[in-house]
Amino acid sequence: MAAHSPFGDWTRKPFRDWYEAMEQQAAEATEQLVSGSAFAELLGLTAGNFAALTRISGETCDLMLRNMRLAGRADMTRLGHQLARTEDKLERVLQEVEDLRDQLPDRSADEEAGP
């Protein structure tokens, strides 16, 4: 069975009132802080700094990989572009070979019908 305070609820009411007043003041102060243009500027600067730090950390990781003689993201991207170009060139060569192969039977038929 739970023990009840002999004083009842009147001992908790001042604390509850104080807590609600402090919560209201904190809410008003936060609204004032967020509504100003300075907060927007601070938020913009923070986002810019975060983006710069992300870029710097990525470049640092790539530099560490390069110093260890391992392929980094930039190397893999460059290799992918070179591979795509090579595949395109190979496809063009294949098409030319097929065109020449198609022309070859025509020449052999002409030679057989010749003198």
Protein backbone atom coordinates (compact mmCIF):
# COMPACT_ATOMS: atom_id res chain seq x y z
CA MET A 1 0.00 0.00 0.00
CA ALA A 2 1.36 3.39 -0.93
CA ALA A 3 2.06 5.80 1.88
CA HIS A 4 0.19 9.08 1.58
CA SER A 5 1.66 12.34 2.71
CA PRO A 6 -0.18 13.71 5.73
CA PHE A 7 0.13 17.16 4.19
CA GLY A 8 -1.71 16.19 1.01
CA ASP A 9 -1.12 17.84 -2.37
CA TRP A 10 -0.50 21.36 -1.04
CA THR A 11 3.27 20.67 -0.64
CA ARG A 12 3.70 19.85 -4.34
CA LYS A 13 1.72 22.81 -5.70
CA PRO A 14 4.41 25.49 -5.15
CA PHE A 15 7.00 23.34 -6.92
CA ARG A 16 4.60 22.66 -9.79
CA ASP A 17 3.78 26.38 -10.14
CA TRP A 18 7.47 27.30 -10.10
CA TYR A 19 8.24 24.63 -12.72
CA GLU A 20 5.45 25.83 -15.04
CA ALA A 21 6.60 29.45 -14.69
CA MET A 22 10.19 28.50 -15.54
CA GLU A 23 9.01 26.44 -18.50
CA GLN A 24 6.98 29.38 -19.81
CA GLN A 25 9.94 31.75 -19.47
CA ALA A 26 12.25 29.31 -21.24
CA ALA A 27 9.74 28.90 -24.09
CA GLU A 28 9.42 32.68 -24.53
CA ALA A 29 13.20 33.14 -24.48
CA THR A 30 13.67 30.37 -27.05
CA GLU A 31 11.02 31.89 -29.34
CA GLN A 32 12.74 35.28 -29.13
CA LEU A 33 16.09 33.70 -29.93
CA VAL A 34 14.82 31.74 -32.93
CA SER A 35 12.72 34.57 -34.39
CA GLY A 36 15.69 36.91 -34.88
CA SER A 37 17.83 37.18 -38.00
CA ALA A 38 20.97 36.53 -35.97
CA PHE A 39 19.83 32.95 -35.35
CA ALA A 40 19.33 32.41 -39.08
CA GLU A 41 22.80 33.78 -39.79
CA LEU A 42 24.30 31.56 -37.11
CA LEU A 43 22.47 28.54 -38.51
CA GLY A 44 23.72 29.36 -42.02
CA LEU A 45 27.31 29.72 -40.83
CA THR A 46 27.07 26.47 -38.91
CA ALA A 47 25.77 24.62 -41.97
CA GLY A 48 28.53 26.12 -44.11
CA ASN A 49 31.18 25.12 -41.60
CA PHE A 50 29.77 21.61 -41.39
CA ALA A 51 29.87 21.27 -45.18
CA ALA A 52 33.46 22.54 -45.25
CA LEU A 53 34.50 20.10 -42.53
CA THR A 54 32.88 17.24 -44.44
CA ARG A 55 34.76 18.21 -47.61
CA ILE A 56 38.05 18.55 -45.73
CA SER A 57 37.62 15.15 -44.07
CA GLY A 58 36.89 13.53 -47.43
CA GLU A 59 39.96 15.10 -48.99
CA THR A 60 42.05 14.03 -46.00
CA CYS A 61 40.88 10.42 -46.35
CA ASP A 62 41.68 10.48 -50.08
CA LEU A 63 45.13 11.91 -49.33
CA MET A 64 45.81 9.22 -46.73
CA LEU A 65 44.82 6.51 -49.21
CA ARG A 66 47.02 8.06 -51.90
CA ASN A 67 49.97 8.21 -49.50
CA MET A 68 49.47 4.51 -48.73
CA ARG A 69 49.44 3.86 -52.49
CA LEU A 70 45.82 2.70 -52.42
CA ALA A 71 43.13 3.77 -54.86
CA GLY A 72 40.87 6.50 -53.52
CA ARG A 73 37.46 7.71 -54.64
CA ALA A 74 38.88 10.11 -57.22
CA ASP A 75 41.11 7.38 -58.65
CA MET A 76 38.18 4.98 -58.94
CA THR A 77 36.03 7.63 -60.64
CA ARG A 78 38.79 8.44 -63.12
CA LEU A 79 39.31 4.72 -63.80
CA GLY A 80 35.57 4.29 -64.39
CA HIS A 81 35.56 7.10 -66.98
CA GLN A 82 38.58 5.61 -68.75
CA LEU A 83 36.94 2.18 -68.77
CA ALA A 84 33.73 3.61 -70.25
CA ARG A 85 35.69 5.38 -73.01
CA THR A 86 37.61 2.19 -73.79
CA GLU A 87 34.37 0.19 -73.98
CA ASP A 88 32.89 2.77 -76.37
CA LYS A 89 35.96 2.60 -78.61
CA LEU A 90 35.90 -1.20 -78.56
CA GLU A 91 32.23 -1.17 -79.53
CA ARG A 92 33.02 1.09 -82.53
CA VAL A 93 35.86 -1.22 -83.60
CA LEU A 94 33.53 -4.22 -83.33
CA GLN A 95 30.95 -2.47 -85.51
CA GLU A 96 33.61 -1.69 -88.14
CA VAL A 97 34.82 -5.32 -88.13
CA GLU A 98 31.24 -6.54 -88.60
CA ASP A 99 30.77 -4.09 -91.49
CA LEU A 100 33.97 -5.33 -93.11
CA ARG A 101 32.90 -8.94 -92.57
CA ASP A 102 29.59 -8.17 -94.26
CA GLN A 103 31.48 -6.74 -97.26
CA LEU A 104 33.90 -9.71 -97.48
CA PRO A 105 31.45 -12.31 -98.89
CA ASP A 106 30.44 -9.86 -101.60
CA ARG A 107 34.06 -9.62 -102.80
CA SER A 108 34.63 -13.38 -102.75
CA ALA A 109 31.47 -13.92 -104.82
CA ASP A 110 32.71 -11.35 -107.37
CA GLU A 111 36.11 -13.09 -107.59
CA GLU A 112 34.51 -16.49 -108.23
CA ALA A 113 32.38 -15.10 -111.06
CA GLY A 114 35.40 -13.35 -112.60
CA PRO A 115 37.54 -14.45 -115.65
